[in-house]
């Protein structure tokens, strides 16, 4: 038997972290389903979801006796910016799913790893590499295969554009977080992001608290606690014992999990072009995630 140099305890911890990561990514993939299951506009879903998630995260941090406050005024300003960016991302994410369907919407959103390599150089004052340009072409071809017609009057096309717009804000959130806010834990930073997003958007809700049905409240509690607060906490925990490469590559399973759940629960059946286009987009995401992670070693 090959000696890996790791103690049984270390192997068990890594296996547990790997399980946490898969559960987190599975739950992230399932989040998209609620755009169809909850009978509310995308903005309203985001407000109620973020409010519930913020409350759950605050409770978690309090029970763990973790510090709630931030270290400086600068960090509060960054938390405010992150909350605004992630709020826009979540609204457009749910809107994309409502317009294009879960499978197509989540594929459009998963352009974010490639978008990241074009936004990040703006912060690092560098230029994208040739391989990144090639991956961008692959993604563009994959997205074109998803588009039924080149017209924003078509709901699916509009949903794809909205999904890509959501991907831009998600990529921006990740870059800002990595550069300016990564010294805080996952639950800690998500507490502020969900709280700011909720407060920013609550003025624009169409369906007030008293008009939300009991069924929708149950689904909102489910998406807020089980599909938002829980996976972020699990994801943060898994990163303590797993490499960035492992976390990034497993995260690329999110479209697969989302599509399978959409097929099982919503009876969405993607056509051949959608599957080919999705494979191209996700393959580019996997390649970019792997190459960026390898480049940091």
C-alpha atoms as a PDB file:
ATOM      1  CA  UNK A   1       0.000   0.000   0.000  1.00  0.00           C
ATOM      2  CA  UNK A   2       1.380   3.384  -1.014  1.00  0.00           C
ATOM      3  CA  UNK A   3       2.431   5.672   1.836  1.00  0.00           C
ATOM      4  CA  UNK A   4       1.007   9.155   1.258  1.00  0.00           C
ATOM      5  CA  UNK A   5       2.690  10.659   4.314  1.00  0.00           C
ATOM      6  CA  UNK A   6      -0.678  11.638   5.776  1.00  0.00           C
ATOM      7  CA  UNK A   7      -2.041  10.412   9.101  1.00  0.00           C
ATOM      8  CA  UNK A   8      -5.463   8.680   9.175  1.00  0.00           C
ATOM      9  CA  UNK A   9      -6.836  11.663  11.092  1.00  0.00           C
ATOM     10  CA  UNK A  10      -5.700  14.068   8.351  1.00  0.00           C
ATOM     11  CA  UNK A  11      -7.226  11.855   5.646  1.00  0.00           C
ATOM     12  CA  UNK A  12     -10.532  11.755   7.545  1.00  0.00           C
ATOM     13  CA  UNK A  13     -10.548  15.543   7.909  1.00  0.00           C
ATOM     14  CA  UNK A  14      -9.927  15.971   4.171  1.00  0.00           C
ATOM     15  CA  UNK A  15     -12.656  13.461   3.317  1.00  0.00           C
ATOM     16  CA  UNK A  16     -15.072  15.293   5.598  1.00  0.00           C
ATOM     17  CA  UNK A  17     -14.100  18.624   3.983  1.00  0.00           C
ATOM     18  CA  UNK A  18     -14.633  17.098   0.545  1.00  0.00           C
ATOM     19  CA  UNK A  19     -18.104  15.952   1.611  1.00  0.00           C
ATOM     20  CA  UNK A  20     -18.885  19.454   2.934  1.00  0.00           C
ATOM     21  CA  UNK A  21     -17.754  20.949  -0.376  1.00  0.00           C
ATOM     22  CA  UNK A  22     -19.915  18.616  -2.483  1.00  0.00           C
ATOM     23  CA  UNK A  23     -22.954  19.306  -0.280  1.00  0.00           C
ATOM     24  CA  UNK A  24     -22.331  23.064  -0.561  1.00  0.00           C
ATOM     25  CA  UNK A  25     -22.022  22.958  -4.368  1.00  0.00           C
ATOM     26  CA  UNK A  26     -25.110  20.733  -4.626  1.00  0.00           C
ATOM     27  CA  UNK A  27     -27.097  23.231  -2.539  1.00  0.00           C
ATOM     28  CA  UNK A  28     -25.759  26.140  -4.606  1.00  0.00           C
ATOM     29  CA  UNK A  29     -26.982  24.324  -7.722  1.00  0.00           C
ATOM     30  CA  UNK A  30     -30.400  23.798  -6.144  1.00  0.00           C
ATOM     31  CA  UNK A  31     -30.808  27.512  -5.370  1.00  0.00           C
ATOM     32  CA  UNK A  32     -31.820  28.209  -8.962  1.00  0.00           C
ATOM     33  CA  UNK A  33     -34.911  25.995  -8.632  1.00  0.00           C
ATOM     34  CA  UNK A  34     -36.525  28.488  -6.278  1.00  0.00           C
ATOM     35  CA  UNK A  35     -36.757  31.063  -9.071  1.00  0.00           C
ATOM     36  CA  UNK A  36     -39.459  28.794 -10.507  1.00  0.00           C
ATOM     37  CA  UNK A  37     -40.918  27.320  -7.316  1.00  0.00           C
ATOM     38  CA  UNK A  38     -41.545  30.608  -5.482  1.00  0.00           C
ATOM     39  CA  UNK A  39     -44.383  32.684  -6.943  1.00  0.00           C
ATOM     40  CA  UNK A  40     -42.666  36.051  -6.448  1.00  0.00           C
ATOM     41  CA  UNK A  41     -40.633  38.425  -8.651  1.00  0.00           C
ATOM     42  CA  UNK A  42     -36.846  37.907  -8.655  1.00  0.00           C
ATOM     43  CA  UNK A  43     -36.239  41.058  -6.581  1.00  0.00           C
ATOM     44  CA  UNK A  44     -38.734  40.029  -3.906  1.00  0.00           C
ATOM     45  CA  UNK A  45     -37.210  36.536  -3.670  1.00  0.00           C
ATOM     46  CA  UNK A  46     -33.793  38.138  -3.217  1.00  0.00           C
ATOM     47  CA  UNK A  47     -34.982  40.500  -0.461  1.00  0.00           C
ATOM     48  CA  UNK A  48     -36.699  37.812   1.598  1.00  0.00           C
ATOM     49  CA  UNK A  49     -33.966  35.249   0.960  1.00  0.00           C
ATOM     50  CA  UNK A  50     -31.157  37.593   2.009  1.00  0.00           C
ATOM     51  CA  UNK A  51     -33.083  38.772   5.072  1.00  0.00           C
ATOM     52  CA  UNK A  52     -33.615  35.199   6.263  1.00  0.00           C
ATOM     53  CA  UNK A  53     -30.008  34.236   5.455  1.00  0.00           C
ATOM     54  CA  UNK A  54     -28.655  37.268   7.334  1.00  0.00           C
ATOM     55  CA  UNK A  55     -30.708  36.323  10.404  1.00  0.00           C
ATOM     56  CA  UNK A  56     -29.534  32.698  10.194  1.00  0.00           C
ATOM     57  CA  UNK A  57     -25.879  33.729   9.838  1.00  0.00           C
ATOM     58  CA  UNK A  58     -26.165  36.203  12.726  1.00  0.00           C
ATOM     59  CA  UNK A  59     -27.618  33.422  14.894  1.00  0.00           C
ATOM     60  CA  UNK A  60     -24.838  31.024  13.833  1.00  0.00           C
ATOM     61  CA  UNK A  61     -22.049  33.502  14.632  1.00  0.00           C
ATOM     62  CA  UNK A  62     -23.681  34.418  17.953  1.00  0.00           C
ATOM     63  CA  UNK A  63     -24.016  30.770  19.022  1.00  0.00           C
ATOM     64  CA  UNK A  64     -20.372  30.197  18.054  1.00  0.00           C
ATOM     65  CA  UNK A  65     -19.467  33.325  20.083  1.00  0.00           C
ATOM     66  CA  UNK A  66     -17.688  34.779  17.052  1.00  0.00           C
ATOM     67  CA  UNK A  67     -17.057  38.490  16.662  1.00  0.00           C
ATOM     68  CA  UNK A  68     -19.778  40.246  14.639  1.00  0.00           C
ATOM     69  CA  UNK A  69     -18.222  43.681  14.170  1.00  0.00           C
ATOM     70  CA  UNK A  70     -15.583  44.556  11.561  1.00  0.00           C
ATOM     71  CA  UNK A  71     -12.069  45.811  12.225  1.00  0.00           C
ATOM     72  CA  UNK A  72     -12.199  49.269  10.599  1.00  0.00           C
ATOM     73  CA  UNK A  73     -14.333  51.883   8.861  1.00  0.00           C
ATOM     74  CA  UNK A  74     -12.687  50.906   5.591  1.00  0.00           C
ATOM     75  CA  UNK A  75     -13.929  47.342   6.037  1.00  0.00           C
ATOM     76  CA  UNK A  76     -17.484  48.613   6.588  1.00  0.00           C
ATOM     77  CA  UNK A  77     -17.236  50.578   3.317  1.00  0.00           C
ATOM     78  CA  UNK A  78     -15.987  47.464   1.505  1.00  0.00           C
ATOM     79  CA  UNK A  79     -18.789  45.386   3.075  1.00  0.00           C
ATOM     80  CA  UNK A  80     -21.301  47.948   1.799  1.00  0.00           C
ATOM     81  CA  UNK A  81     -19.859  47.780  -1.729  1.00  0.00           C
ATOM     82  CA  UNK A  82     -19.823  43.967  -1.670  1.00  0.00           C
ATOM     83  CA  UNK A  83     -23.435  43.892  -0.506  1.00  0.00           C
ATOM     84  CA  UNK A  84     -24.550  46.167  -3.346  1.00  0.00           C
ATOM     85  CA  UNK A  85     -22.663  44.119  -5.939  1.00  0.00           C
ATOM     86  CA  UNK A  86     -23.926  40.756  -4.648  1.00  0.00           C
ATOM     87  CA  UNK A  87     -27.480  42.126  -4.375  1.00  0.00           C
ATOM     88  CA  UNK A  88     -27.464  43.024  -8.076  1.00  0.00           C
ATOM     89  CA  UNK A  89     -25.962  39.619  -8.845  1.00  0.00           C
ATOM     90  CA  UNK A  90     -28.701  37.738  -6.963  1.00  0.00           C
ATOM     91  CA  UNK A  91     -31.590  39.685  -8.493  1.00  0.00           C
ATOM     92  CA  UNK A  92     -30.298  39.175 -12.041  1.00  0.00           C
ATOM     93  CA  UNK A  93     -29.475  35.527 -11.260  1.00  0.00           C
ATOM     94  CA  UNK A  94     -33.068  34.706 -10.288  1.00  0.00           C
ATOM     95  CA  UNK A  95     -34.436  36.841 -13.136  1.00  0.00           C
ATOM     96  CA  UNK A  96     -32.298  34.901 -15.640  1.00  0.00           C
ATOM     97  CA  UNK A  97     -33.680  31.578 -14.355  1.00  0.00           C
ATOM     98  CA  UNK A  98     -37.255  32.858 -14.530  1.00  0.00           C
ATOM     99  CA  UNK A  99     -36.821  33.996 -18.129  1.00  0.00           C
ATOM    100  CA  UNK A 100     -34.558  31.338 -19.655  1.00  0.00           C
ATOM    101  CA  UNK A 101     -35.219  28.346 -17.400  1.00  0.00           C
ATOM    102  CA  UNK A 102     -32.899  26.879 -14.792  1.00  0.00           C
ATOM    103  CA  UNK A 103     -30.652  24.877 -17.132  1.00  0.00           C
ATOM    104  CA  UNK A 104     -29.979  27.639 -19.675  1.00  0.00           C
ATOM    105  CA  UNK A 105     -29.851  30.359 -17.018  1.00  0.00           C
ATOM    106  CA  UNK A 106     -27.273  28.572 -14.887  1.00  0.00           C
ATOM    107  CA  UNK A 107     -25.104  27.851 -17.941  1.00  0.00           C
ATOM    108  CA  UNK A 108     -25.201  31.536 -18.919  1.00  0.00           C
ATOM    109  CA  UNK A 109     -24.230  32.456 -15.365  1.00  0.00           C
ATOM    110  CA  UNK A 110     -21.302  30.053 -15.437  1.00  0.00           C
ATOM    111  CA  UNK A 111     -19.476  32.307 -17.856  1.00  0.00           C
ATOM    112  CA  UNK A 112     -18.164  34.031 -14.702  1.00  0.00           C
ATOM    113  CA  UNK A 113     -14.811  32.133 -14.468  1.00  0.00           C
ATOM    114  CA  UNK A 114     -13.882  33.369 -17.953  1.00  0.00           C
ATOM    115  CA  UNK A 115     -15.263  36.860 -17.254  1.00  0.00           C
ATOM    116  CA  UNK A 116     -13.108  36.892 -14.106  1.00  0.00           C
ATOM    117  CA  UNK A 117      -9.870  36.522 -16.070  1.00  0.00           C
ATOM    118  CA  UNK A 118     -10.773  39.630 -18.064  1.00  0.00           C
ATOM    119  CA  UNK A 119     -11.837  41.759 -15.083  1.00  0.00           C
ATOM    120  CA  UNK A 120      -9.018  40.723 -12.719  1.00  0.00           C
ATOM    121  CA  UNK A 121      -6.221  42.259 -14.849  1.00  0.00           C
ATOM    122  CA  UNK A 122      -7.888  45.661 -14.309  1.00  0.00           C
ATOM    123  CA  UNK A 123      -6.986  45.284 -10.620  1.00  0.00           C
ATOM    124  CA  UNK A 124      -3.565  43.726 -11.243  1.00  0.00           C
ATOM    125  CA  UNK A 125      -2.621  46.068 -14.127  1.00  0.00           C
ATOM    126  CA  UNK A 126      -1.856  43.194 -16.476  1.00  0.00           C
ATOM    127  CA  UNK A 127      -3.197  41.855 -19.779  1.00  0.00           C
ATOM    128  CA  UNK A 128      -5.235  38.667 -20.395  1.00  0.00           C
ATOM    129  CA  UNK A 129      -3.233  35.755 -21.787  1.00  0.00           C
ATOM    130  CA  UNK A 130      -3.732  34.134 -25.194  1.00  0.00           C
ATOM    131  CA  UNK A 131      -5.253  31.012 -23.619  1.00  0.00           C
ATOM    132  CA  UNK A 132      -7.828  33.231 -21.893  1.00  0.00           C
ATOM    133  CA  UNK A 133      -8.762  34.756 -25.241  1.00  0.00           C
ATOM    134  CA  UNK A 134      -9.219  31.266 -26.689  1.00  0.00           C
ATOM    135  CA  UNK A 135     -11.418  30.226 -23.754  1.00  0.00           C
ATOM    136  CA  UNK A 136     -13.489  33.368 -24.246  1.00  0.00           C
ATOM    137  CA  UNK A 137     -14.099  32.326 -27.872  1.00  0.00           C
ATOM    138  CA  UNK A 138     -15.181  28.857 -26.684  1.00  0.00           C
ATOM    139  CA  UNK A 139     -17.615  30.446 -24.220  1.00  0.00           C
ATOM    140  CA  UNK A 140     -19.022  32.808 -26.862  1.00  0.00           C
ATOM    141  CA  UNK A 141     -19.643  29.893 -29.240  1.00  0.00           C
ATOM    142  CA  UNK A 142     -21.256  27.927 -26.396  1.00  0.00           C
ATOM    143  CA  UNK A 143     -23.557  30.849 -25.531  1.00  0.00           C
ATOM    144  CA  UNK A 144     -24.508  31.351 -29.188  1.00  0.00           C
ATOM    145  CA  UNK A 145     -25.637  27.702 -29.306  1.00  0.00           C
ATOM    146  CA  UNK A 146     -27.994  28.437 -26.386  1.00  0.00           C
ATOM    147  CA  UNK A 147     -29.631  31.450 -28.055  1.00  0.00           C
ATOM    148  CA  UNK A 148     -32.852  30.553 -29.929  1.00  0.00           C
ATOM    149  CA  UNK A 149     -32.900  33.866 -31.844  1.00  0.00           C
ATOM    150  CA  UNK A 150     -30.855  37.076 -31.810  1.00  0.00           C
ATOM    151  CA  UNK A 151     -33.571  39.242 -30.323  1.00  0.00           C
ATOM    152  CA  UNK A 152     -34.076  40.666 -26.845  1.00  0.00           C
ATOM    153  CA  UNK A 153     -37.789  40.221 -27.467  1.00  0.00           C
ATOM    154  CA  UNK A 154     -37.247  36.502 -26.930  1.00  0.00           C
ATOM    155  CA  UNK A 155     -37.492  35.547 -23.239  1.00  0.00           C
ATOM    156  CA  UNK A 156     -34.753  32.914 -23.413  1.00  0.00           C
ATOM    157  CA  UNK A 157     -32.329  35.291 -25.156  1.00  0.00           C
ATOM    158  CA  UNK A 158     -33.094  38.020 -22.630  1.00  0.00           C
ATOM    159  CA  UNK A 159     -32.593  35.490 -19.828  1.00  0.00           C
ATOM    160  CA  UNK A 160     -29.174  34.527 -21.232  1.00  0.00           C
ATOM    161  CA  UNK A 161     -28.100  38.185 -21.413  1.00  0.00           C
ATOM    162  CA  UNK A 162     -29.339  38.684 -17.845  1.00  0.00           C
ATOM    163  CA  UNK A 163     -27.443  35.577 -16.713  1.00  0.00           C
ATOM    164  CA  UNK A 164     -24.214  36.912 -18.227  1.00  0.00           C
ATOM    165  CA  UNK A 165     -24.864  40.290 -16.563  1.00  0.00           C
ATOM    166  CA  UNK A 166     -25.254  38.415 -13.262  1.00  0.00           C
ATOM    167  CA  UNK A 167     -21.978  36.606 -13.954  1.00  0.00           C
ATOM    168  CA  UNK A 168     -20.160  39.944 -14.371  1.00  0.00           C
ATOM    169  CA  UNK A 169     -21.307  41.114 -10.941  1.00  0.00           C
ATOM    170  CA  UNK A 170     -20.495  37.741  -9.360  1.00  0.00           C
ATOM    171  CA  UNK A 171     -16.987  37.845 -10.824  1.00  0.00           C
ATOM    172  CA  UNK A 172     -16.589  41.418  -9.564  1.00  0.00           C
ATOM    173  CA  UNK A 173     -17.788  40.390  -6.085  1.00  0.00           C
ATOM    174  CA  UNK A 174     -15.260  37.535  -5.959  1.00  0.00           C
ATOM    175  CA  UNK A 175     -12.362  39.763  -7.028  1.00  0.00           C
ATOM    176  CA  UNK A 176     -13.255  42.507  -4.562  1.00  0.00           C
ATOM    177  CA  UNK A 177     -13.655  39.947  -1.779  1.00  0.00           C
ATOM    178  CA  UNK A 178     -10.331  38.278  -2.530  1.00  0.00           C
ATOM    179  CA  UNK A 179      -8.416  41.559  -2.686  1.00  0.00           C
ATOM    180  CA  UNK A 180     -10.031  43.465   0.179  1.00  0.00           C
ATOM    181  CA  UNK A 181     -12.145  41.211   2.441  1.00  0.00           C
ATOM    182  CA  UNK A 182     -10.647  37.714   2.500  1.00  0.00           C
ATOM    183  CA  UNK A 183      -9.355  38.121   6.085  1.00  0.00           C
ATOM    184  CA  UNK A 184     -12.913  37.471   7.342  1.00  0.00           C
ATOM    185  CA  UNK A 185     -14.595  34.044   7.503  1.00  0.00           C
ATOM    186  CA  UNK A 186     -17.243  32.967   4.998  1.00  0.00           C
ATOM    187  CA  UNK A 187     -20.214  33.272   7.415  1.00  0.00           C
ATOM    188  CA  UNK A 188     -18.913  36.631   8.706  1.00  0.00           C
ATOM    189  CA  UNK A 189     -18.586  38.237   5.275  1.00  0.00           C
ATOM    190  CA  UNK A 190     -21.852  36.720   4.034  1.00  0.00           C
ATOM    191  CA  UNK A 191     -23.681  38.166   7.041  1.00  0.00           C
ATOM    192  CA  UNK A 192     -22.812  41.668   5.894  1.00  0.00           C
ATOM    193  CA  UNK A 193     -23.389  40.967   2.203  1.00  0.00           C
ATOM    194  CA  UNK A 194     -26.836  39.468   2.746  1.00  0.00           C
ATOM    195  CA  UNK A 195     -27.803  42.230   5.193  1.00  0.00           C
ATOM    196  CA  UNK A 196     -26.732  45.047   2.853  1.00  0.00           C
ATOM    197  CA  UNK A 197     -28.404  43.393  -0.145  1.00  0.00           C
ATOM    198  CA  UNK A 198     -31.658  43.013   1.800  1.00  0.00           C
ATOM    199  CA  UNK A 199     -31.667  46.626   3.028  1.00  0.00           C
ATOM    200  CA  UNK A 200     -30.713  47.977  -0.413  1.00  0.00           C
ATOM    201  CA  UNK A 201     -33.504  46.178  -2.246  1.00  0.00           C
ATOM    202  CA  UNK A 202     -36.314  46.111   0.331  1.00  0.00           C
ATOM    203  CA  UNK A 203     -37.642  49.513  -0.813  1.00  0.00           C
ATOM    204  CA  UNK A 204     -38.466  48.059  -4.241  1.00  0.00           C
ATOM    205  CA  UNK A 205     -40.449  44.932  -3.320  1.00  0.00           C
ATOM    206  CA  UNK A 206     -43.743  44.377  -5.118  1.00  0.00           C
ATOM    207  CA  UNK A 207     -45.304  41.848  -2.723  1.00  0.00           C
ATOM    208  CA  UNK A 208     -45.258  43.031   0.931  1.00  0.00           C
ATOM    209  CA  UNK A 209     -44.793  40.657   3.878  1.00  0.00           C
ATOM    210  CA  UNK A 210     -48.509  40.265   4.576  1.00  0.00           C
ATOM    211  CA  UNK A 211     -49.293  39.139   1.030  1.00  0.00           C
ATOM    212  CA  UNK A 212     -46.692  36.371   0.795  1.00  0.00           C
ATOM    213  CA  UNK A 213     -48.441  32.987   0.850  1.00  0.00           C
ATOM    214  CA  UNK A 214     -47.696  30.344   3.475  1.00  0.00           C
ATOM    215  CA  UNK A 215     -46.233  28.066   0.789  1.00  0.00           C
ATOM    216  CA  UNK A 216     -43.887  30.796  -0.454  1.00  0.00           C
ATOM    217  CA  UNK A 217     -42.805  31.562   3.132  1.00  0.00           C
ATOM    218  CA  UNK A 218     -41.841  27.920   3.643  1.00  0.00           C
ATOM    219  CA  UNK A 219     -39.875  27.945   0.388  1.00  0.00           C
ATOM    220  CA  UNK A 220     -38.206  31.257   1.317  1.00  0.00           C
ATOM    221  CA  UNK A 221     -37.155  29.816   4.682  1.00  0.00           C
ATOM    222  CA  UNK A 222     -35.797  26.784   2.848  1.00  0.00           C
ATOM    223  CA  UNK A 223     -33.790  28.810   0.318  1.00  0.00           C
ATOM    224  CA  UNK A 224     -32.616  31.313   2.933  1.00  0.00           C
ATOM    225  CA  UNK A 225     -31.403  28.841   5.543  1.00  0.00           C
ATOM    226  CA  UNK A 226     -30.717  25.541   3.772  1.00  0.00           C
ATOM    227  CA  UNK A 227     -29.690  26.829   0.319  1.00  0.00           C
ATOM    228  CA  UNK A 228     -27.936  30.096   1.267  1.00  0.00           C
ATOM    229  CA  UNK A 229     -26.625  30.255   4.850  1.00  0.00           C
ATOM    230  CA  UNK A 230     -25.782  26.528   5.110  1.00  0.00           C
ATOM    231  CA  UNK A 231     -23.768  26.083   1.863  1.00  0.00           C
ATOM    232  CA  UNK A 232     -21.754  29.258   2.472  1.00  0.00           C
ATOM    233  CA  UNK A 233     -20.852  28.022   5.957  1.00  0.00           C
ATOM    234  CA  UNK A 234     -19.969  24.536   4.624  1.00  0.00           C
ATOM    235  CA  UNK A 235     -17.958  26.006   1.739  1.00  0.00           C
ATOM    236  CA  UNK A 236     -15.946  28.191   4.120  1.00  0.00           C
ATOM    237  CA  UNK A 237     -15.313  25.202   6.420  1.00  0.00           C
ATOM    238  CA  UNK A 238     -14.136  22.994   3.550  1.00  0.00           C
ATOM    239  CA  UNK A 239     -11.523  25.530   2.408  1.00  0.00           C
ATOM    240  CA  UNK A 240      -9.595  25.053   5.657  1.00  0.00           C
ATOM    241  CA  UNK A 241      -8.416  21.599   4.546  1.00  0.00           C
ATOM    242  CA  UNK A 242      -8.759  21.620   0.729  1.00  0.00           C
ATOM    243  CA  UNK A 243      -6.768  23.396  -1.965  1.00  0.00           C
ATOM    244  CA  UNK A 244      -8.174  26.227  -4.073  1.00  0.00           C
ATOM    245  CA  UNK A 245      -7.828  23.939  -7.112  1.00  0.00           C
ATOM    246  CA  UNK A 246     -10.059  21.256  -5.574  1.00  0.00           C
ATOM    247  CA  UNK A 247     -12.676  23.786  -4.433  1.00  0.00           C
ATOM    248  CA  UNK A 248     -12.735  25.544  -7.794  1.00  0.00           C
ATOM    249  CA  UNK A 249     -13.015  22.393  -9.890  1.00  0.00           C
ATOM    250  CA  UNK A 250     -15.743  20.831  -7.736  1.00  0.00           C
ATOM    251  CA  UNK A 251     -17.652  24.139  -7.872  1.00  0.00           C
ATOM    252  CA  UNK A 252     -17.861  23.632 -11.636  1.00  0.00           C
ATOM    253  CA  UNK A 253     -20.277  20.764 -10.924  1.00  0.00           C
ATOM    254  CA  UNK A 254     -22.903  23.370  -9.981  1.00  0.00           C
ATOM    255  CA  UNK A 255     -24.476  23.556 -13.481  1.00  0.00           C
ATOM    256  CA  UNK A 256     -24.675  19.749 -13.570  1.00  0.00           C
ATOM    257  CA  UNK A 257     -26.358  19.573 -10.161  1.00  0.00           C
ATOM    258  CA  UNK A 258     -28.714  22.419 -11.093  1.00  0.00           C
ATOM    259  CA  UNK A 259     -29.635  20.861 -14.448  1.00  0.00           C
ATOM    260  CA  UNK A 260     -30.274  17.415 -12.945  1.00  0.00           C
ATOM    261  CA  UNK A 261     -32.474  18.893 -10.217  1.00  0.00           C
ATOM    262  CA  UNK A 262     -34.346  20.986 -12.812  1.00  0.00           C
ATOM    263  CA  UNK A 263     -34.923  17.839 -14.882  1.00  0.00           C
ATOM    264  CA  UNK A 264     -36.160  15.849 -11.870  1.00  0.00           C
ATOM    265  CA  UNK A 265     -38.301  18.506 -10.170  1.00  0.00           C
ATOM    266  CA  UNK A 266     -39.265  20.964 -12.913  1.00  0.00           C
ATOM    267  CA  UNK A 267     -39.206  18.540 -15.877  1.00  0.00           C
ATOM    268  CA  UNK A 268     -36.864  20.784 -17.880  1.00  0.00           C
ATOM    269  CA  UNK A 269     -35.444  18.833 -20.824  1.00  0.00           C
ATOM    270  CA  UNK A 270     -32.521  20.577 -22.553  1.00  0.00           C
ATOM    271  CA  UNK A 271     -32.122  20.012 -26.290  1.00  0.00           C
ATOM    272  CA  UNK A 272     -28.900  18.854 -27.978  1.00  0.00           C
ATOM    273  CA  UNK A 273     -27.654  22.387 -28.755  1.00  0.00           C
ATOM    274  CA  UNK A 274     -28.193  23.412 -25.142  1.00  0.00           C
ATOM    275  CA  UNK A 275     -26.184  20.414 -23.911  1.00  0.00           C
ATOM    276  CA  UNK A 276     -23.355  21.075 -26.395  1.00  0.00           C
ATOM    277  CA  UNK A 277     -23.288  24.792 -25.587  1.00  0.00           C
ATOM    278  CA  UNK A 278     -23.419  24.049 -21.868  1.00  0.00           C
ATOM    279  CA  UNK A 279     -20.563  21.560 -22.169  1.00  0.00           C
ATOM    280  CA  UNK A 280     -18.432  24.201 -23.929  1.00  0.00           C
ATOM    281  CA  UNK A 281     -19.154  26.862 -21.288  1.00  0.00           C
ATOM    282  CA  UNK A 282     -18.569  24.539 -18.327  1.00  0.00           C
ATOM    283  CA  UNK A 283     -15.413  23.066 -19.920  1.00  0.00           C
ATOM    284  CA  UNK A 284     -14.019  26.579 -20.316  1.00  0.00           C
ATOM    285  CA  UNK A 285     -14.924  27.305 -16.686  1.00  0.00           C
ATOM    286  CA  UNK A 286     -13.143  24.144 -15.528  1.00  0.00           C
ATOM    287  CA  UNK A 287     -10.062  24.949 -17.620  1.00  0.00           C
ATOM    288  CA  UNK A 288      -9.839  28.534 -16.348  1.00  0.00           C
ATOM    289  CA  UNK A 289     -10.348  27.448 -12.736  1.00  0.00           C
ATOM    290  CA  UNK A 290      -7.651  24.787 -13.061  1.00  0.00           C
ATOM    291  CA  UNK A 291      -5.140  26.988 -14.886  1.00  0.00           C
ATOM    292  CA  UNK A 292      -5.539  29.939 -12.499  1.00  0.00           C
ATOM    293  CA  UNK A 293      -5.177  27.657  -9.477  1.00  0.00           C
ATOM    294  CA  UNK A 294      -2.100  25.939 -10.968  1.00  0.00           C
ATOM    295  CA  UNK A 295      -0.581  29.318 -11.781  1.00  0.00           C
ATOM    296  CA  UNK A 296      -0.625  30.258  -8.086  1.00  0.00           C
ATOM    297  CA  UNK A 297       1.477  27.280  -7.030  1.00  0.00           C
END
